[in-house]
Amino acid sequence: MSLDRRDLQILKLLQKDGRISNQELADKIALSPSACLARVKKLEQQGFIEGYRTKIILEKLGPVLMAFMEVTLGNHFPEDFKKFDGFIKEIDEVVESFVVGSNFDYLLQVVVSDMTELRNLSNRILESKLGVVKLNTFPVIERNKSFSGYPLEKLARN
């Protein structure tokens, strides 16, 4: 499944604006609307496009505290990771979770309303009886760059 220049352009434009009309997308990449739509459908079917999301300005909802958590498990058997993965997937405040190759096992990105909620979440993780032996929490003071898309041209293998 190799991507050509137009496929990459489509992906780049869609990750910037998932609500772009097919006509506007077709115009920007110099294709007919039907050819453009066929390419988008093909990219979806091949799994390059997982879905379309809305970017929400969380601060409009009320106070928001974002933090990162380093989690270290005491045991490193596959079933230990599987249990912890299942547990984390059920916690709405954990918005992203990564298994990392470091001196800790997981890096979690969490969003809560305040420090009390952050402490409650930390306690919930520590008290989960899933073998968490260490939890370091790093509250975000300021976000100076938001996710705006992947560098597709630098990642694509042609």
N, C-alpha and C. Protein backbone atom coordinates (compact mmCIF):
# COMPACT_ATOMS: atom_id res chain seq x y z
N MET A 1 0.85 -1.19 0.00
CA MET A 1 0.00 0.00 0.00
C MET A 1 0.88 1.24 0.00
N SER A 2 1.31 1.63 -1.15
CA SER A 2 2.14 2.83 -1.25
C SER A 2 1.27 4.02 -1.63
N LEU A 3 1.64 5.16 -1.11
CA LEU A 3 0.89 6.38 -1.35
C LEU A 3 1.62 7.25 -2.36
N ASP A 4 0.85 7.84 -3.24
CA ASP A 4 1.47 8.80 -4.16
C ASP A 4 1.31 10.21 -3.61
N ARG A 5 1.80 11.17 -4.36
CA ARG A 5 1.79 12.57 -3.93
C ARG A 5 0.38 13.06 -3.63
N ARG A 6 -0.59 12.69 -4.46
CA ARG A 6 -1.96 13.15 -4.25
C ARG A 6 -2.58 12.53 -2.99
N ASP A 7 -2.31 11.26 -2.75
CA ASP A 7 -2.80 10.63 -1.53
C ASP A 7 -2.27 11.37 -0.30
N LEU A 8 -0.98 11.69 -0.31
CA LEU A 8 -0.39 12.42 0.81
C LEU A 8 -1.02 13.80 0.97
N GLN A 9 -1.30 14.46 -0.17
CA GLN A 9 -1.96 15.76 -0.10
C GLN A 9 -3.35 15.64 0.53
N ILE A 10 -4.07 14.60 0.13
CA ILE A 10 -5.41 14.38 0.68
C ILE A 10 -5.32 14.19 2.19
N LEU A 11 -4.41 13.32 2.62
CA LEU A 11 -4.27 13.06 4.06
C LEU A 11 -3.87 14.33 4.81
N LYS A 12 -2.96 15.08 4.24
CA LYS A 12 -2.52 16.32 4.90
C LYS A 12 -3.68 17.31 5.04
N LEU A 13 -4.46 17.47 4.00
CA LEU A 13 -5.59 18.41 4.05
C LEU A 13 -6.69 17.92 4.99
N LEU A 14 -6.95 16.62 4.98
CA LEU A 14 -7.99 16.08 5.86
C LEU A 14 -7.60 16.14 7.33
N GLN A 15 -6.30 15.94 7.63
CA GLN A 15 -5.92 16.02 9.05
C GLN A 15 -5.95 17.46 9.54
N LYS A 16 -5.85 18.40 8.62
CA LYS A 16 -5.94 19.81 9.00
C LYS A 16 -7.40 20.25 9.14
N ASP A 17 -8.26 19.72 8.26
CA ASP A 17 -9.68 20.08 8.28
C ASP A 17 -10.50 18.89 7.80
N GLY A 18 -10.97 18.09 8.75
CA GLY A 18 -11.75 16.90 8.41
C GLY A 18 -13.12 17.21 7.85
N ARG A 19 -13.54 18.48 7.93
CA ARG A 19 -14.86 18.87 7.41
C ARG A 19 -14.78 19.50 6.03
N ILE A 20 -13.60 19.51 5.43
CA ILE A 20 -13.47 20.08 4.10
C ILE A 20 -14.40 19.34 3.14
N SER A 21 -15.05 20.08 2.27
CA SER A 21 -15.95 19.42 1.33
C SER A 21 -15.14 18.68 0.27
N ASN A 22 -15.73 17.67 -0.30
CA ASN A 22 -15.06 16.91 -1.35
C ASN A 22 -14.71 17.81 -2.52
N GLN A 23 -15.60 18.74 -2.84
CA GLN A 23 -15.34 19.66 -3.96
C GLN A 23 -14.11 20.51 -3.68
N GLU A 24 -14.03 21.07 -2.46
CA GLU A 24 -12.89 21.92 -2.11
C GLU A 24 -11.59 21.09 -2.07
N LEU A 25 -11.68 19.89 -1.54
CA LEU A 25 -10.52 18.99 -1.50
C LEU A 25 -10.06 18.68 -2.92
N ALA A 26 -10.99 18.36 -3.78
CA ALA A 26 -10.67 18.06 -5.18
C ALA A 26 -10.02 19.25 -5.87
N ASP A 27 -10.54 20.43 -5.62
CA ASP A 27 -9.97 21.64 -6.23
C ASP A 27 -8.53 21.87 -5.76
N LYS A 28 -8.28 21.63 -4.47
CA LYS A 28 -6.94 21.90 -3.93
C LYS A 28 -5.89 20.93 -4.44
N ILE A 29 -6.30 19.73 -4.86
CA ILE A 29 -5.31 18.78 -5.35
C ILE A 29 -5.43 18.52 -6.85
N ALA A 30 -6.25 19.34 -7.51
CA ALA A 30 -6.41 19.29 -8.96
C ALA A 30 -6.88 17.92 -9.46
N LEU A 31 -7.98 17.45 -8.86
CA LEU A 31 -8.63 16.22 -9.30
C LEU A 31 -10.11 16.50 -9.48
N SER A 32 -10.79 15.65 -10.23
CA SER A 32 -12.24 15.76 -10.31
C SER A 32 -12.82 15.32 -8.97
N PRO A 33 -14.00 15.82 -8.62
CA PRO A 33 -14.61 15.42 -7.35
C PRO A 33 -14.80 13.91 -7.23
N SER A 34 -15.19 13.25 -8.32
CA SER A 34 -15.41 11.80 -8.24
C SER A 34 -14.09 11.05 -8.02
N ALA A 35 -13.02 11.47 -8.68
CA ALA A 35 -11.71 10.83 -8.50
C ALA A 35 -11.19 11.08 -7.09
N CYS A 36 -11.43 12.27 -6.58
CA CYS A 36 -11.00 12.62 -5.23
C CYS A 36 -11.74 11.77 -4.21
N LEU A 37 -13.05 11.66 -4.35
CA LEU A 37 -13.84 10.87 -3.42
C LEU A 37 -13.42 9.41 -3.46
N ALA A 38 -13.12 8.90 -4.64
CA ALA A 38 -12.67 7.51 -4.76
C ALA A 38 -11.36 7.31 -4.00
N ARG A 39 -10.46 8.27 -4.08
CA ARG A 39 -9.19 8.17 -3.36
C ARG A 39 -9.41 8.21 -1.84
N VAL A 40 -10.29 9.10 -1.39
CA VAL A 40 -10.59 9.19 0.05
C VAL A 40 -11.17 7.87 0.53
N LYS A 41 -12.12 7.32 -0.21
CA LYS A 41 -12.73 6.04 0.18
C LYS A 41 -11.68 4.93 0.22
N LYS A 42 -10.76 4.92 -0.75
CA LYS A 42 -9.70 3.92 -0.79
C LYS A 42 -8.78 4.07 0.42
N LEU A 43 -8.44 5.31 0.78
CA LEU A 43 -7.59 5.56 1.96
C LEU A 43 -8.29 5.11 3.24
N GLU A 44 -9.61 5.29 3.31
CA GLU A 44 -10.37 4.82 4.46
C GLU A 44 -10.37 3.30 4.52
N GLN A 45 -10.64 2.65 3.37
CA GLN A 45 -10.70 1.18 3.32
C GLN A 45 -9.34 0.55 3.63
N GLN A 46 -8.26 1.20 3.24
CA GLN A 46 -6.93 0.65 3.48
C GLN A 46 -6.43 0.95 4.89
N GLY A 47 -7.23 1.68 5.67
CA GLY A 47 -6.88 1.92 7.06
C GLY A 47 -5.97 3.11 7.31
N PHE A 48 -5.74 3.94 6.29
CA PHE A 48 -4.93 5.14 6.51
C PHE A 48 -5.71 6.19 7.28
N ILE A 49 -7.04 6.19 7.12
CA ILE A 49 -7.90 7.13 7.83
C ILE A 49 -8.73 6.33 8.82
N GLU A 50 -8.53 6.62 10.10
CA GLU A 50 -9.23 5.89 11.15
C GLU A 50 -10.59 6.51 11.45
N GLY A 51 -10.70 7.80 11.31
CA GLY A 51 -11.94 8.47 11.61
C GLY A 51 -11.76 9.97 11.51
N TYR A 52 -12.80 10.69 11.83
CA TYR A 52 -12.77 12.14 11.78
C TYR A 52 -13.16 12.66 13.16
N ARG A 53 -12.40 13.61 13.67
CA ARG A 53 -12.64 14.11 15.02
C ARG A 53 -12.79 15.63 15.01
N THR A 54 -13.41 16.10 16.07
CA THR A 54 -13.58 17.54 16.26
C THR A 54 -12.59 18.02 17.31
N LYS A 55 -11.90 19.10 17.03
CA LYS A 55 -11.00 19.69 18.01
C LYS A 55 -11.83 20.58 18.93
N ILE A 56 -11.80 20.25 20.21
CA ILE A 56 -12.59 20.98 21.20
C ILE A 56 -11.65 21.84 22.04
N ILE A 57 -12.02 23.07 22.27
CA ILE A 57 -11.27 23.97 23.12
C ILE A 57 -11.73 23.71 24.56
N LEU A 58 -10.97 22.89 25.27
CA LEU A 58 -11.36 22.45 26.60
C LEU A 58 -11.58 23.59 27.57
N GLU A 59 -10.77 24.62 27.48
CA GLU A 59 -10.87 25.74 28.42
C GLU A 59 -12.22 26.45 28.35
N LYS A 60 -12.93 26.28 27.25
CA LYS A 60 -14.27 26.88 27.14
C LYS A 60 -15.26 26.17 28.06
N LEU A 61 -14.96 24.91 28.42
CA LEU A 61 -15.86 24.13 29.27
C LEU A 61 -15.74 24.51 30.73
N GLY A 62 -14.57 25.00 31.12
CA GLY A 62 -14.31 25.33 32.50
C GLY A 62 -12.85 25.08 32.81
N PRO A 63 -12.47 25.08 34.08
CA PRO A 63 -11.08 24.86 34.44
C PRO A 63 -10.60 23.48 33.96
N VAL A 64 -9.38 23.46 33.45
CA VAL A 64 -8.80 22.22 32.93
C VAL A 64 -7.37 22.12 33.42
N LEU A 65 -7.02 20.94 33.87
CA LEU A 65 -5.65 20.65 34.25
C LEU A 65 -5.20 19.44 33.46
N MET A 66 -4.17 19.63 32.65
CA MET A 66 -3.58 18.53 31.89
C MET A 66 -2.31 18.12 32.61
N ALA A 67 -2.02 16.82 32.59
CA ALA A 67 -0.81 16.33 33.22
C ALA A 67 -0.32 15.09 32.48
N PHE A 68 0.94 14.77 32.69
CA PHE A 68 1.52 13.54 32.20
C PHE A 68 1.89 12.70 33.41
N MET A 69 1.70 11.40 33.28
CA MET A 69 2.04 10.48 34.36
C MET A 69 2.97 9.40 33.85
N GLU A 70 4.05 9.20 34.59
CA GLU A 70 4.93 8.06 34.32
C GLU A 70 4.51 6.94 35.26
N VAL A 71 4.23 5.78 34.71
CA VAL A 71 3.78 4.65 35.51
C VAL A 71 4.79 3.52 35.36
N THR A 72 5.20 2.96 36.49
CA THR A 72 6.11 1.82 36.50
C THR A 72 5.40 0.64 37.14
N LEU A 73 5.40 -0.48 36.44
CA LEU A 73 4.82 -1.71 36.98
C LEU A 73 5.91 -2.53 37.66
N GLY A 74 5.51 -3.29 38.67
CA GLY A 74 6.47 -4.13 39.39
C GLY A 74 6.86 -5.37 38.61
N ASN A 75 5.94 -5.91 37.83
CA ASN A 75 6.21 -7.10 37.02
C ASN A 75 6.03 -6.75 35.55
N HIS A 76 6.76 -7.46 34.71
CA HIS A 76 6.75 -7.14 33.29
C HIS A 76 6.36 -8.34 32.43
N PHE A 77 5.42 -9.10 32.91
CA PHE A 77 4.90 -10.21 32.12
C PHE A 77 3.80 -9.67 31.21
N PRO A 78 3.60 -10.29 30.05
CA PRO A 78 2.57 -9.80 29.13
C PRO A 78 1.19 -9.63 29.78
N GLU A 79 0.82 -10.56 30.68
CA GLU A 79 -0.50 -10.44 31.31
C GLU A 79 -0.59 -9.22 32.23
N ASP A 80 0.54 -8.79 32.81
CA ASP A 80 0.54 -7.58 33.65
C ASP A 80 0.23 -6.35 32.79
N PHE A 81 0.86 -6.27 31.62
CA PHE A 81 0.60 -5.16 30.72
C PHE A 81 -0.83 -5.20 30.21
N LYS A 82 -1.30 -6.39 29.88
CA LYS A 82 -2.66 -6.54 29.35
C LYS A 82 -3.69 -6.07 30.38
N LYS A 83 -3.51 -6.45 31.64
CA LYS A 83 -4.44 -6.02 32.70
C LYS A 83 -4.40 -4.50 32.88
N PHE A 84 -3.19 -3.94 32.89
CA PHE A 84 -3.09 -2.50 33.08
C PHE A 84 -3.68 -1.76 31.87
N ASP A 85 -3.42 -2.25 30.67
CA ASP A 85 -4.00 -1.65 29.46
C ASP A 85 -5.53 -1.60 29.55
N GLY A 86 -6.14 -2.72 29.96
CA GLY A 86 -7.59 -2.77 30.09
C GLY A 86 -8.11 -1.78 31.11
N PHE A 87 -7.40 -1.68 32.22
CA PHE A 87 -7.77 -0.75 33.28
C PHE A 87 -7.73 0.70 32.78
N ILE A 88 -6.65 1.07 32.12
CA ILE A 88 -6.45 2.44 31.64
C ILE A 88 -7.49 2.81 30.58
N LYS A 89 -7.85 1.86 29.73
CA LYS A 89 -8.83 2.14 28.68
C LYS A 89 -10.20 2.50 29.24
N GLU A 90 -10.46 2.13 30.48
CA GLU A 90 -11.75 2.42 31.11
C GLU A 90 -11.77 3.76 31.85
N ILE A 91 -10.64 4.45 31.90
CA ILE A 91 -10.57 5.72 32.62
C ILE A 91 -10.66 6.86 31.62
N ASP A 92 -11.77 7.56 31.63
CA ASP A 92 -12.01 8.64 30.66
C ASP A 92 -10.98 9.76 30.75
N GLU A 93 -10.48 10.03 31.95
CA GLU A 93 -9.53 11.13 32.13
C GLU A 93 -8.18 10.84 31.47
N VAL A 94 -7.89 9.58 31.21
CA VAL A 94 -6.66 9.22 30.48
C VAL A 94 -6.98 9.35 29.00
N VAL A 95 -6.44 10.40 28.38
CA VAL A 95 -6.78 10.67 26.98
C VAL A 95 -5.81 10.01 26.00
N GLU A 96 -4.60 9.70 26.46
CA GLU A 96 -3.65 8.94 25.66
C GLU A 96 -2.77 8.14 26.59
N SER A 97 -2.37 6.96 26.11
CA SER A 97 -1.51 6.08 26.89
C SER A 97 -0.49 5.46 25.96
N PHE A 98 0.77 5.48 26.38
CA PHE A 98 1.85 4.93 25.58
C PHE A 98 2.67 3.98 26.44
N VAL A 99 2.99 2.81 25.90
CA VAL A 99 3.99 1.94 26.51
C VAL A 99 5.32 2.42 25.94
N VAL A 100 6.27 2.70 26.83
CA VAL A 100 7.52 3.30 26.38
C VAL A 100 8.72 2.45 26.78
N GLY A 101 9.79 2.62 26.06
CA GLY A 101 11.05 1.98 26.38
C GLY A 101 11.89 2.95 27.18
N SER A 102 11.77 2.90 28.47
CA SER A 102 12.44 3.87 29.34
C SER A 102 12.62 3.25 30.71
N ASN A 103 12.93 4.07 31.70
CA ASN A 103 13.03 3.57 33.06
C ASN A 103 11.65 3.51 33.73
N PHE A 104 10.60 3.77 32.99
CA PHE A 104 9.22 3.56 33.42
C PHE A 104 8.50 2.87 32.26
N ASP A 105 7.30 2.39 32.50
CA ASP A 105 6.62 1.55 31.51
C ASP A 105 5.57 2.28 30.67
N TYR A 106 4.84 3.20 31.29
CA TYR A 106 3.75 3.90 30.60
C TYR A 106 3.93 5.40 30.74
N LEU A 107 3.55 6.11 29.70
CA LEU A 107 3.40 7.56 29.76
C LEU A 107 1.93 7.84 29.46
N LEU A 108 1.24 8.41 30.43
CA LEU A 108 -0.18 8.71 30.29
C LEU A 108 -0.38 10.21 30.17
N GLN A 109 -1.24 10.62 29.28
CA GLN A 109 -1.67 12.01 29.21
C GLN A 109 -3.07 12.04 29.81
N VAL A 110 -3.26 12.87 30.81
CA VAL A 110 -4.54 12.93 31.50
C VAL A 110 -5.08 14.36 31.50
N VAL A 111 -6.40 14.46 31.57
CA VAL A 111 -7.07 15.76 31.65
C VAL A 111 -8.11 15.68 32.75
N VAL A 112 -8.01 16.59 33.70
CA VAL A 112 -8.94 16.67 34.83
C VAL A 112 -9.29 18.14 35.06
N SER A 113 -10.18 18.38 36.02
CA SER A 113 -10.61 19.77 36.25
C SER A 113 -9.72 20.52 37.23
N ASP A 114 -9.06 19.81 38.16
CA ASP A 114 -8.25 20.51 39.16
C ASP A 114 -7.31 19.54 39.86
N MET A 115 -6.52 20.07 40.80
CA MET A 115 -5.53 19.25 41.51
C MET A 115 -6.19 18.17 42.36
N THR A 116 -7.36 18.44 42.91
CA THR A 116 -8.05 17.43 43.70
C THR A 116 -8.39 16.22 42.83
N GLU A 117 -8.90 16.49 41.64
CA GLU A 117 -9.23 15.40 40.71
C GLU A 117 -7.97 14.67 40.25
N LEU A 118 -6.87 15.40 40.09
CA LEU A 118 -5.62 14.77 39.70
C LEU A 118 -5.14 13.83 40.82
N ARG A 119 -5.25 14.28 42.06
CA ARG A 119 -4.88 13.43 43.19
C ARG A 119 -5.79 12.20 43.25
N ASN A 120 -7.09 12.38 43.04
CA ASN A 120 -8.03 11.25 43.05
C ASN A 120 -7.68 10.24 41.96
N LEU A 121 -7.33 10.74 40.78
CA LEU A 121 -6.95 9.85 39.68
C LEU A 121 -5.66 9.10 40.02
N SER A 122 -4.69 9.80 40.58
CA SER A 122 -3.44 9.17 40.99
C SER A 122 -3.70 8.05 41.99
N ASN A 123 -4.54 8.33 42.98
CA ASN A 123 -4.88 7.32 43.99
C ASN A 123 -5.58 6.12 43.36
N ARG A 124 -6.46 6.39 42.44
CA ARG A 124 -7.18 5.30 41.74
C ARG A 124 -6.22 4.37 41.02
N ILE A 125 -5.22 4.96 40.38
CA ILE A 125 -4.22 4.16 39.66
C ILE A 125 -3.36 3.38 40.65
N LEU A 126 -2.92 4.05 41.70
CA LEU A 126 -2.06 3.40 42.69
C LEU A 126 -2.80 2.29 43.45
N GLU A 127 -4.08 2.48 43.68
CA GLU A 127 -4.87 1.51 44.44
C GLU A 127 -5.50 0.44 43.57
N SER A 128 -5.15 0.39 42.30
CA SER A 128 -5.78 -0.53 41.36
C SER A 128 -5.43 -1.99 41.59
N LYS A 129 -4.42 -2.27 42.39
CA LYS A 129 -3.94 -3.63 42.63
C LYS A 129 -3.46 -4.29 41.33
N LEU A 130 -2.89 -3.47 40.46
CA LEU A 130 -2.38 -3.98 39.19
C LEU A 130 -0.85 -3.94 39.14
N GLY A 131 -0.23 -3.80 40.29
CA GLY A 131 1.22 -3.86 40.35
C GLY A 131 1.94 -2.56 40.06
N VAL A 132 1.26 -1.43 40.20
CA VAL A 132 1.91 -0.14 40.00
C VAL A 132 2.82 0.10 41.21
N VAL A 133 4.12 0.26 40.94
CA VAL A 133 5.07 0.49 42.03
C VAL A 133 5.58 1.92 42.08
N LYS A 134 5.35 2.66 41.00
CA LYS A 134 5.80 4.04 40.98
C LYS A 134 4.93 4.85 40.03
N LEU A 135 4.59 6.06 40.47
CA LEU A 135 3.78 6.97 39.66
C LEU A 135 4.33 8.37 39.84
N ASN A 136 4.85 8.94 38.78
CA ASN A 136 5.31 10.33 38.79
C ASN A 136 4.34 11.15 37.97
N THR A 137 3.93 12.28 38.50
CA THR A 137 2.95 13.13 37.83
C THR A 137 3.56 14.49 37.53
N PHE A 138 3.31 14.96 36.31
CA PHE A 138 3.85 16.24 35.85
C PHE A 138 2.71 17.12 35.33
N PRO A 139 2.18 18.02 36.16
CA PRO A 139 1.13 18.93 35.68
C PRO A 139 1.69 19.85 34.58
N VAL A 140 0.89 20.09 33.57
CA VAL A 140 1.28 20.98 32.49
C VAL A 140 0.98 22.40 32.91
N ILE A 141 1.98 23.25 32.85
CA ILE A 141 1.81 24.65 33.22
C ILE A 141 1.29 25.45 32.03
N GLU A 142 1.84 25.17 30.87
CA GLU A 142 1.42 25.89 29.66
C GLU A 142 1.68 25.00 28.46
N ARG A 143 0.72 24.97 27.55
CA ARG A 143 0.91 24.26 26.29
C ARG A 143 1.40 25.28 25.27
N ASN A 144 2.58 25.05 24.72
CA ASN A 144 3.11 26.03 23.76
C ASN A 144 3.05 25.55 22.32
N LYS A 145 2.60 24.32 22.11
CA LYS A 145 2.32 23.84 20.76
C LYS A 145 1.30 22.72 20.86
N SER A 146 0.21 22.86 20.14
CA SER A 146 -0.83 21.84 20.11
C SER A 146 -0.61 20.94 18.91
N PHE A 147 -1.14 19.73 19.01
CA PHE A 147 -1.07 18.81 17.88
C PHE A 147 -1.77 19.43 16.69
N SER A 148 -1.08 19.49 15.57
CA SER A 148 -1.69 20.05 14.37
C SER A 148 -1.56 19.12 13.18
N GLY A 149 -1.15 17.90 13.42
CA GLY A 149 -1.03 16.93 12.33
C GLY A 149 0.36 16.31 12.31
N TYR A 150 0.42 15.16 11.68
CA TYR A 150 1.69 14.45 11.54
C TYR A 150 2.46 14.98 10.34
N PRO A 151 3.79 14.91 10.38
CA PRO A 151 4.60 15.35 9.22
C PRO A 151 4.61 14.25 8.15
N LEU A 152 3.51 14.13 7.43
CA LEU A 152 3.29 13.01 6.53
C LEU A 152 4.37 12.84 5.48
N GLU A 153 4.82 13.95 4.89
CA GLU A 153 5.83 13.85 3.83
C GLU A 153 7.13 13.25 4.36
N LYS A 154 7.44 13.49 5.63
CA LYS A 154 8.68 12.98 6.21
C LYS A 154 8.55 11.54 6.67
N LEU A 155 7.32 11.07 6.84
CA LEU A 155 7.09 9.72 7.34
C LEU A 155 6.77 8.71 6.25
N ALA A 156 6.24 9.18 5.13
CA ALA A 156 5.78 8.28 4.07
C ALA A 156 6.97 7.60 3.38
N ARG A 157 6.84 6.30 3.21
CA ARG A 157 7.83 5.52 2.47
C ARG A 157 7.30 5.24 1.09
N ASN A 158 7.92 5.79 0.10
CA ASN A 158 7.47 5.56 -1.28
C ASN A 158 8.42 4.66 -2.02
